[in-house]
Amino acid sequence: MVFLTESRSLNTHFGLSMKNTILVVGGAQTRALIVSMLHQLKYLATEEAQHGQQALLKIKQCATAGDPVQVIISEFNMPVLNGAGIINQLKVQQYDIPVIFLSGSTSESREQSSTPPVMLDFSPHLLQQYSDGSVRYTELDAMLQKILGLVEA
């Protein structure tokens, strides 16, 4: 695990006034890990969903509340509606939200779905998830900054 000496706050560090809501989708263990990392990196506006169908509901709720989801971080293999289903529904419902898929998955999510992860067909954003379920802070932060337009591509 990498520890940062400097954190990135979308609202204070970069002087942005817009709230950048990040939706984290997946099993409880993965959500807890990613949300904790996001908060440590000072990305404080987070929402959570257990699976794709619940994610679509959260996206609608956030949009209605005036805080639209800016980025989705998701496992690919999930019950009810998987990563491919999320991407397809985002297109059908005309949402233009970047999705970061975790390239690996914890045993919790593997047990719940047998869908093969052909993730690059659905999203160009893949974040390496290691065998213990961890994700590197620096990789997550760099990917979010790029997607949110906080750094040059």
N, C-alpha and C. Protein backbone atom coordinates (compact mmCIF):
# COMPACT_ATOMS: atom_id res chain seq x y z
N MET A 1 0.85 -1.18 0.00
CA MET A 1 0.00 0.00 0.00
C MET A 1 0.89 1.24 0.00
N VAL A 2 0.55 2.21 -0.79
CA VAL A 2 1.31 3.45 -0.90
C VAL A 2 0.65 4.51 -0.03
N PHE A 3 1.44 5.22 0.75
CA PHE A 3 0.91 6.31 1.56
C PHE A 3 1.26 7.63 0.89
N LEU A 4 0.34 8.53 0.85
CA LEU A 4 0.57 9.83 0.23
C LEU A 4 0.97 10.85 1.27
N THR A 5 1.85 11.75 0.88
CA THR A 5 2.21 12.85 1.78
C THR A 5 1.36 14.07 1.49
N GLU A 6 0.67 14.05 0.34
CA GLU A 6 -0.17 15.18 -0.06
C GLU A 6 -1.48 14.61 -0.57
N SER A 7 -2.59 15.18 -0.17
CA SER A 7 -3.87 14.67 -0.64
C SER A 7 -4.48 15.62 -1.66
N ARG A 8 -5.42 15.10 -2.42
CA ARG A 8 -6.08 15.87 -3.47
C ARG A 8 -7.52 16.14 -3.07
N SER A 9 -7.85 17.38 -2.86
CA SER A 9 -9.22 17.74 -2.58
C SER A 9 -9.79 18.48 -3.78
N LEU A 10 -10.84 17.95 -4.33
CA LEU A 10 -11.43 18.58 -5.51
C LEU A 10 -11.94 19.98 -5.19
N ASN A 11 -12.45 20.18 -4.00
CA ASN A 11 -13.05 21.46 -3.67
C ASN A 11 -12.04 22.48 -3.13
N THR A 12 -11.04 22.03 -2.38
CA THR A 12 -10.13 22.99 -1.79
C THR A 12 -8.80 23.06 -2.53
N HIS A 13 -8.19 21.92 -2.83
CA HIS A 13 -6.88 21.92 -3.45
C HIS A 13 -6.92 22.54 -4.85
N PHE A 14 -7.93 22.21 -5.61
CA PHE A 14 -8.02 22.71 -6.97
C PHE A 14 -8.93 23.92 -7.10
N GLY A 15 -9.54 24.36 -6.01
CA GLY A 15 -10.36 25.55 -6.05
C GLY A 15 -11.64 25.40 -6.85
N LEU A 16 -12.15 24.20 -6.97
CA LEU A 16 -13.37 23.98 -7.73
C LEU A 16 -14.58 24.21 -6.85
N SER A 17 -15.63 24.77 -7.43
CA SER A 17 -16.84 24.98 -6.66
C SER A 17 -17.83 23.84 -6.87
N MET A 18 -17.69 23.09 -7.97
CA MET A 18 -18.62 22.01 -8.26
C MET A 18 -18.31 20.79 -7.40
N LYS A 19 -19.35 20.18 -6.92
CA LYS A 19 -19.21 18.96 -6.14
C LYS A 19 -19.04 17.80 -7.12
N ASN A 20 -17.98 17.03 -7.00
CA ASN A 20 -17.70 15.91 -7.89
C ASN A 20 -18.09 14.61 -7.19
N THR A 21 -19.29 14.14 -7.43
CA THR A 21 -19.79 12.94 -6.78
C THR A 21 -19.24 11.71 -7.48
N ILE A 22 -18.69 10.80 -6.68
CA ILE A 22 -18.13 9.55 -7.18
C ILE A 22 -18.99 8.42 -6.64
N LEU A 23 -19.48 7.57 -7.54
CA LEU A 23 -20.31 6.42 -7.16
C LEU A 23 -19.45 5.17 -7.16
N VAL A 24 -19.43 4.45 -6.04
CA VAL A 24 -18.66 3.22 -5.89
C VAL A 24 -19.63 2.05 -5.87
N VAL A 25 -19.41 1.10 -6.80
CA VAL A 25 -20.36 0.00 -6.98
C VAL A 25 -19.64 -1.34 -6.82
N GLY A 26 -20.21 -2.22 -6.00
CA GLY A 26 -19.63 -3.55 -5.84
C GLY A 26 -19.98 -4.14 -4.50
N GLY A 27 -19.29 -5.22 -4.17
CA GLY A 27 -19.49 -5.90 -2.90
C GLY A 27 -19.08 -5.03 -1.73
N ALA A 28 -19.57 -5.38 -0.56
CA ALA A 28 -19.34 -4.57 0.65
C ALA A 28 -17.86 -4.35 0.94
N GLN A 29 -17.05 -5.38 0.78
CA GLN A 29 -15.62 -5.28 1.07
C GLN A 29 -14.94 -4.30 0.10
N THR A 30 -15.25 -4.41 -1.16
CA THR A 30 -14.66 -3.51 -2.16
C THR A 30 -15.12 -2.08 -1.94
N ARG A 31 -16.42 -1.89 -1.70
CA ARG A 31 -16.94 -0.53 -1.47
C ARG A 31 -16.26 0.12 -0.28
N ALA A 32 -16.13 -0.62 0.81
CA ALA A 32 -15.51 -0.08 2.02
C ALA A 32 -14.07 0.34 1.74
N LEU A 33 -13.32 -0.47 1.02
CA LEU A 33 -11.93 -0.17 0.70
C LEU A 33 -11.83 1.08 -0.17
N ILE A 34 -12.60 1.13 -1.25
CA ILE A 34 -12.50 2.25 -2.19
C ILE A 34 -13.01 3.55 -1.56
N VAL A 35 -14.12 3.50 -0.85
CA VAL A 35 -14.65 4.72 -0.20
C VAL A 35 -13.64 5.24 0.83
N SER A 36 -13.04 4.35 1.60
CA SER A 36 -12.03 4.77 2.57
C SER A 36 -10.85 5.46 1.88
N MET A 37 -10.40 4.88 0.77
CA MET A 37 -9.30 5.48 0.02
C MET A 37 -9.70 6.85 -0.52
N LEU A 38 -10.90 6.93 -1.09
CA LEU A 38 -11.37 8.21 -1.63
C LEU A 38 -11.40 9.29 -0.55
N HIS A 39 -11.90 8.94 0.62
CA HIS A 39 -11.98 9.92 1.71
C HIS A 39 -10.58 10.33 2.16
N GLN A 40 -9.64 9.37 2.22
CA GLN A 40 -8.27 9.72 2.59
C GLN A 40 -7.62 10.63 1.55
N LEU A 41 -8.03 10.46 0.29
CA LEU A 41 -7.52 11.31 -0.79
C LEU A 41 -8.29 12.63 -0.89
N LYS A 42 -9.26 12.82 0.00
CA LYS A 42 -10.08 14.03 0.09
C LYS A 42 -11.12 14.15 -1.03
N TYR A 43 -11.47 13.03 -1.67
CA TYR A 43 -12.62 13.00 -2.57
C TYR A 43 -13.79 12.63 -1.66
N LEU A 44 -14.46 13.62 -1.11
CA LEU A 44 -15.40 13.37 -0.03
C LEU A 44 -16.83 13.10 -0.48
N ALA A 45 -17.18 13.46 -1.69
CA ALA A 45 -18.55 13.27 -2.17
C ALA A 45 -18.67 11.89 -2.80
N THR A 46 -19.04 10.91 -1.97
CA THR A 46 -19.16 9.55 -2.47
C THR A 46 -20.56 9.00 -2.22
N GLU A 47 -20.99 8.15 -3.12
CA GLU A 47 -22.23 7.40 -2.98
C GLU A 47 -21.87 5.93 -3.20
N GLU A 48 -22.71 5.03 -2.72
CA GLU A 48 -22.43 3.60 -2.84
C GLU A 48 -23.65 2.84 -3.36
N ALA A 49 -23.35 1.74 -4.09
CA ALA A 49 -24.40 0.83 -4.56
C ALA A 49 -23.83 -0.59 -4.56
N GLN A 50 -24.69 -1.56 -4.27
CA GLN A 50 -24.27 -2.96 -4.19
C GLN A 50 -24.13 -3.62 -5.56
N HIS A 51 -24.88 -3.13 -6.54
CA HIS A 51 -24.87 -3.73 -7.87
C HIS A 51 -25.34 -2.69 -8.88
N GLY A 52 -25.30 -3.06 -10.15
CA GLY A 52 -25.60 -2.12 -11.22
C GLY A 52 -26.99 -1.53 -11.18
N GLN A 53 -27.98 -2.32 -10.85
CA GLN A 53 -29.35 -1.80 -10.82
C GLN A 53 -29.49 -0.72 -9.74
N GLN A 54 -28.89 -0.98 -8.60
CA GLN A 54 -28.91 0.01 -7.52
C GLN A 54 -28.10 1.26 -7.92
N ALA A 55 -27.03 1.05 -8.69
CA ALA A 55 -26.22 2.17 -9.16
C ALA A 55 -27.04 3.10 -10.06
N LEU A 56 -27.83 2.53 -10.95
CA LEU A 56 -28.66 3.35 -11.84
C LEU A 56 -29.66 4.18 -11.05
N LEU A 57 -30.21 3.60 -10.00
CA LEU A 57 -31.13 4.35 -9.14
C LEU A 57 -30.40 5.50 -8.44
N LYS A 58 -29.19 5.25 -7.94
CA LYS A 58 -28.39 6.30 -7.28
C LYS A 58 -28.05 7.42 -8.25
N ILE A 59 -27.75 7.07 -9.50
CA ILE A 59 -27.42 8.07 -10.51
C ILE A 59 -28.61 9.00 -10.71
N LYS A 60 -29.80 8.43 -10.80
CA LYS A 60 -31.01 9.25 -10.97
C LYS A 60 -31.25 10.12 -9.74
N GLN A 61 -31.08 9.55 -8.55
CA GLN A 61 -31.30 10.30 -7.31
C GLN A 61 -30.33 11.48 -7.20
N CYS A 62 -29.07 11.24 -7.53
CA CYS A 62 -28.06 12.30 -7.45
C CYS A 62 -28.36 13.41 -8.46
N ALA A 63 -28.74 13.02 -9.67
CA ALA A 63 -29.07 14.01 -10.70
C ALA A 63 -30.26 14.86 -10.27
N THR A 64 -31.28 14.23 -9.70
CA THR A 64 -32.47 14.94 -9.23
C THR A 64 -32.12 15.89 -8.10
N ALA A 65 -31.18 15.50 -7.25
CA ALA A 65 -30.77 16.33 -6.12
C ALA A 65 -29.82 17.46 -6.53
N GLY A 66 -29.42 17.49 -7.79
CA GLY A 66 -28.53 18.54 -8.26
C GLY A 66 -27.05 18.25 -8.09
N ASP A 67 -26.71 17.04 -7.69
CA ASP A 67 -25.32 16.62 -7.54
C ASP A 67 -25.06 15.40 -8.43
N PRO A 68 -25.01 15.58 -9.74
CA PRO A 68 -24.89 14.43 -10.62
C PRO A 68 -23.58 13.66 -10.41
N VAL A 69 -23.65 12.37 -10.62
CA VAL A 69 -22.47 11.51 -10.51
C VAL A 69 -21.50 11.89 -11.62
N GLN A 70 -20.25 12.11 -11.26
CA GLN A 70 -19.22 12.49 -12.22
C GLN A 70 -18.39 11.31 -12.69
N VAL A 71 -18.22 10.31 -11.81
CA VAL A 71 -17.41 9.12 -12.11
C VAL A 71 -18.01 7.94 -11.36
N ILE A 72 -17.95 6.77 -11.99
CA ILE A 72 -18.36 5.52 -11.35
C ILE A 72 -17.12 4.65 -11.23
N ILE A 73 -16.88 4.11 -10.04
CA ILE A 73 -15.83 3.11 -9.83
C ILE A 73 -16.56 1.83 -9.49
N SER A 74 -16.33 0.77 -10.29
CA SER A 74 -17.16 -0.41 -10.14
C SER A 74 -16.40 -1.71 -10.36
N GLU A 75 -16.84 -2.73 -9.65
CA GLU A 75 -16.45 -4.08 -10.00
C GLU A 75 -17.17 -4.41 -11.31
N PHE A 76 -16.69 -5.39 -12.01
CA PHE A 76 -17.35 -5.79 -13.26
C PHE A 76 -18.36 -6.90 -13.00
N ASN A 77 -17.95 -7.90 -12.23
CA ASN A 77 -18.83 -9.03 -11.93
C ASN A 77 -19.63 -8.76 -10.68
N MET A 78 -20.95 -8.63 -10.88
CA MET A 78 -21.85 -8.35 -9.76
C MET A 78 -23.18 -9.04 -10.02
N PRO A 79 -23.95 -9.29 -8.97
CA PRO A 79 -25.29 -9.84 -9.17
C PRO A 79 -26.24 -8.75 -9.69
N VAL A 80 -27.38 -9.14 -10.13
CA VAL A 80 -28.48 -8.29 -10.58
C VAL A 80 -28.15 -7.59 -11.90
N LEU A 81 -27.15 -6.71 -11.93
CA LEU A 81 -26.74 -6.04 -13.16
C LEU A 81 -25.23 -5.82 -13.09
N ASN A 82 -24.49 -6.46 -14.00
CA ASN A 82 -23.02 -6.39 -13.95
C ASN A 82 -22.50 -5.14 -14.65
N GLY A 83 -21.18 -5.06 -14.79
CA GLY A 83 -20.55 -3.90 -15.40
C GLY A 83 -20.99 -3.64 -16.83
N ALA A 84 -21.11 -4.71 -17.62
CA ALA A 84 -21.58 -4.55 -19.00
C ALA A 84 -23.00 -3.98 -19.01
N GLY A 85 -23.82 -4.44 -18.09
CA GLY A 85 -25.19 -3.94 -17.98
C GLY A 85 -25.24 -2.47 -17.59
N ILE A 86 -24.33 -2.06 -16.71
CA ILE A 86 -24.26 -0.64 -16.32
C ILE A 86 -23.95 0.21 -17.54
N ILE A 87 -22.92 -0.18 -18.29
CA ILE A 87 -22.51 0.58 -19.48
C ILE A 87 -23.67 0.66 -20.47
N ASN A 88 -24.31 -0.47 -20.73
CA ASN A 88 -25.42 -0.49 -21.68
C ASN A 88 -26.56 0.42 -21.22
N GLN A 89 -26.90 0.38 -19.95
CA GLN A 89 -27.99 1.21 -19.44
C GLN A 89 -27.62 2.69 -19.42
N LEU A 90 -26.35 3.00 -19.16
CA LEU A 90 -25.92 4.40 -19.22
C LEU A 90 -26.13 4.95 -20.63
N LYS A 91 -25.82 4.14 -21.64
CA LYS A 91 -26.02 4.56 -23.03
C LYS A 91 -27.50 4.72 -23.34
N VAL A 92 -28.31 3.75 -22.94
CA VAL A 92 -29.75 3.80 -23.20
C VAL A 92 -30.37 5.03 -22.55
N GLN A 93 -29.95 5.31 -21.32
CA GLN A 93 -30.52 6.43 -20.57
C GLN A 93 -29.79 7.75 -20.85
N GLN A 94 -28.84 7.72 -21.77
CA GLN A 94 -28.10 8.88 -22.24
C GLN A 94 -27.33 9.61 -21.12
N TYR A 95 -26.71 8.84 -20.27
CA TYR A 95 -25.80 9.40 -19.27
C TYR A 95 -24.39 9.27 -19.81
N ASP A 96 -23.63 10.34 -19.75
CA ASP A 96 -22.24 10.34 -20.19
C ASP A 96 -21.35 10.38 -18.95
N ILE A 97 -21.23 9.24 -18.28
CA ILE A 97 -20.47 9.15 -17.04
C ILE A 97 -19.33 8.16 -17.24
N PRO A 98 -18.08 8.59 -17.03
CA PRO A 98 -16.96 7.65 -17.15
C PRO A 98 -17.05 6.57 -16.07
N VAL A 99 -16.70 5.35 -16.47
CA VAL A 99 -16.72 4.22 -15.54
C VAL A 99 -15.31 3.66 -15.42
N ILE A 100 -14.83 3.55 -14.19
CA ILE A 100 -13.55 2.90 -13.91
C ILE A 100 -13.89 1.50 -13.41
N PHE A 101 -13.44 0.48 -14.13
CA PHE A 101 -13.62 -0.89 -13.66
C PHE A 101 -12.38 -1.35 -12.93
N LEU A 102 -12.59 -2.07 -11.83
CA LEU A 102 -11.48 -2.70 -11.12
C LEU A 102 -11.09 -3.93 -11.92
N SER A 103 -9.82 -4.07 -12.24
CA SER A 103 -9.37 -5.11 -13.16
C SER A 103 -9.37 -6.50 -12.56
N GLY A 104 -9.34 -6.58 -11.27
CA GLY A 104 -9.46 -7.85 -10.58
C GLY A 104 -10.71 -7.80 -9.76
N SER A 105 -10.95 -8.82 -8.99
CA SER A 105 -12.12 -8.75 -8.11
C SER A 105 -11.84 -9.55 -6.86
N THR A 106 -12.49 -9.18 -5.79
CA THR A 106 -12.34 -9.90 -4.54
C THR A 106 -13.11 -11.20 -4.63
N SER A 107 -12.81 -12.13 -3.77
CA SER A 107 -13.50 -13.41 -3.81
C SER A 107 -14.99 -13.24 -3.59
N GLU A 108 -15.37 -12.21 -2.85
CA GLU A 108 -16.79 -11.94 -2.59
C GLU A 108 -17.57 -11.77 -3.89
N SER A 109 -17.03 -10.97 -4.82
CA SER A 109 -17.77 -10.72 -6.06
C SER A 109 -17.64 -11.89 -7.03
N ARG A 110 -16.55 -12.62 -7.02
CA ARG A 110 -16.39 -13.76 -7.91
C ARG A 110 -17.41 -14.85 -7.61
N GLU A 111 -17.70 -15.03 -6.35
CA GLU A 111 -18.66 -16.05 -5.96
C GLU A 111 -20.06 -15.71 -6.44
N GLN A 112 -20.35 -14.43 -6.67
CA GLN A 112 -21.69 -14.00 -6.98
C GLN A 112 -21.99 -13.93 -8.47
N SER A 113 -20.99 -14.04 -9.32
CA SER A 113 -21.24 -13.90 -10.75
C SER A 113 -20.25 -14.70 -11.55
N SER A 114 -20.70 -15.24 -12.68
CA SER A 114 -19.81 -16.00 -13.54
C SER A 114 -19.55 -15.28 -14.86
N THR A 115 -19.93 -14.02 -14.97
CA THR A 115 -19.73 -13.26 -16.19
C THR A 115 -18.24 -13.06 -16.44
N PRO A 116 -17.72 -13.43 -17.64
CA PRO A 116 -16.30 -13.20 -17.90
C PRO A 116 -16.01 -11.71 -18.04
N PRO A 117 -14.96 -11.21 -17.39
CA PRO A 117 -14.66 -9.78 -17.46
C PRO A 117 -13.98 -9.38 -18.76
N VAL A 118 -14.72 -8.96 -19.74
CA VAL A 118 -14.19 -8.44 -21.00
C VAL A 118 -14.29 -6.92 -20.90
N MET A 119 -13.66 -6.39 -19.89
CA MET A 119 -13.90 -5.02 -19.47
C MET A 119 -13.46 -3.97 -20.48
N LEU A 120 -12.41 -4.21 -21.22
CA LEU A 120 -11.94 -3.18 -22.16
C LEU A 120 -12.94 -2.93 -23.28
N ASP A 121 -13.82 -3.88 -23.52
CA ASP A 121 -14.87 -3.67 -24.51
C ASP A 121 -15.88 -2.62 -24.03
N PHE A 122 -15.92 -2.39 -22.73
CA PHE A 122 -16.94 -1.52 -22.15
C PHE A 122 -16.40 -0.20 -21.61
N SER A 123 -15.16 -0.18 -21.18
CA SER A 123 -14.59 1.04 -20.61
C SER A 123 -13.08 1.06 -20.81
N PRO A 124 -12.53 2.21 -21.20
CA PRO A 124 -11.07 2.30 -21.35
C PRO A 124 -10.35 2.48 -20.01
N HIS A 125 -11.11 2.65 -18.94
CA HIS A 125 -10.52 2.94 -17.64
C HIS A 125 -10.49 1.68 -16.78
N LEU A 126 -9.30 1.11 -16.61
CA LEU A 126 -9.14 -0.07 -15.76
C LEU A 126 -8.18 0.26 -14.64
N LEU A 127 -8.55 -0.09 -13.42
CA LEU A 127 -7.71 0.15 -12.26
C LEU A 127 -7.32 -1.21 -11.70
N GLN A 128 -6.02 -1.46 -11.60
CA GLN A 128 -5.53 -2.75 -11.11
C GLN A 128 -5.96 -2.98 -9.67
N GLN A 129 -6.65 -4.07 -9.45
CA GLN A 129 -7.01 -4.49 -8.10
C GLN A 129 -6.18 -5.73 -7.82
N TYR A 130 -5.41 -5.71 -6.76
CA TYR A 130 -4.48 -6.78 -6.46
C TYR A 130 -5.17 -7.94 -5.77
N SER A 131 -4.48 -9.07 -5.67
CA SER A 131 -5.10 -10.30 -5.17
C SER A 131 -5.70 -10.15 -3.77
N ASP A 132 -5.17 -9.24 -2.97
CA ASP A 132 -5.74 -9.03 -1.63
C ASP A 132 -6.89 -8.03 -1.65
N GLY A 133 -7.29 -7.58 -2.86
CA GLY A 133 -8.41 -6.64 -2.98
C GLY A 133 -7.98 -5.18 -2.94
N SER A 134 -6.69 -4.93 -2.72
CA SER A 134 -6.23 -3.55 -2.57
C SER A 134 -6.04 -2.86 -3.92
N VAL A 135 -6.00 -1.55 -3.86
CA VAL A 135 -5.78 -0.68 -5.01
C VAL A 135 -4.75 0.35 -4.56
N ARG A 136 -3.85 0.75 -5.41
CA ARG A 136 -2.84 1.74 -5.06
C ARG A 136 -3.44 3.16 -5.07
N TYR A 137 -3.17 3.88 -3.98
CA TYR A 137 -3.66 5.25 -3.84
C TYR A 137 -3.26 6.11 -5.03
N THR A 138 -1.99 6.05 -5.41
CA THR A 138 -1.49 6.92 -6.46
C THR A 138 -2.17 6.63 -7.80
N GLU A 139 -2.43 5.36 -8.09
CA GLU A 139 -3.09 4.99 -9.34
C GLU A 139 -4.53 5.50 -9.36
N LEU A 140 -5.24 5.33 -8.25
CA LEU A 140 -6.62 5.79 -8.15
C LEU A 140 -6.68 7.31 -8.28
N ASP A 141 -5.83 8.00 -7.56
CA ASP A 141 -5.82 9.46 -7.59
C ASP A 141 -5.49 9.99 -8.98
N ALA A 142 -4.48 9.42 -9.63
CA ALA A 142 -4.09 9.87 -10.97
C ALA A 142 -5.21 9.64 -11.98
N MET A 143 -5.87 8.50 -11.89
CA MET A 143 -6.96 8.21 -12.83
C MET A 143 -8.13 9.17 -12.61
N LEU A 144 -8.49 9.44 -11.37
CA LEU A 144 -9.59 10.36 -11.09
C LEU A 144 -9.25 11.78 -11.54
N GLN A 145 -8.04 12.23 -11.29
CA GLN A 145 -7.65 13.57 -11.73
C GLN A 145 -7.74 13.70 -13.24
N LYS A 146 -7.32 12.67 -13.96
CA LYS A 146 -7.36 12.70 -15.42
C LYS A 146 -8.81 12.73 -15.91
N ILE A 147 -9.65 11.86 -15.38
CA ILE A 147 -11.04 11.78 -15.80
C ILE A 147 -11.81 13.05 -15.47
N LEU A 148 -11.55 13.61 -14.31
CA LEU A 148 -12.26 14.81 -13.89
C LEU A 148 -11.69 16.09 -14.48
N GLY A 149 -10.64 15.93 -15.30
CA GLY A 149 -10.07 17.09 -15.98
C GLY A 149 -9.23 17.95 -15.08
N LEU A 150 -8.69 17.38 -14.03
CA LEU A 150 -7.89 18.16 -13.08
C LEU A 150 -6.43 18.22 -13.51
N VAL A 151 -6.03 17.35 -14.44
CA VAL A 151 -4.69 17.36 -15.01
C VAL A 151 -4.80 17.15 -16.51
N GLU A 152 -3.76 17.48 -17.23
CA GLU A 152 -3.72 17.27 -18.67
C GLU A 152 -3.69 15.77 -18.96
N ALA A 153 -4.38 15.35 -20.00
CA ALA A 153 -4.41 13.92 -20.36
C ALA A 153 -3.09 13.45 -20.88
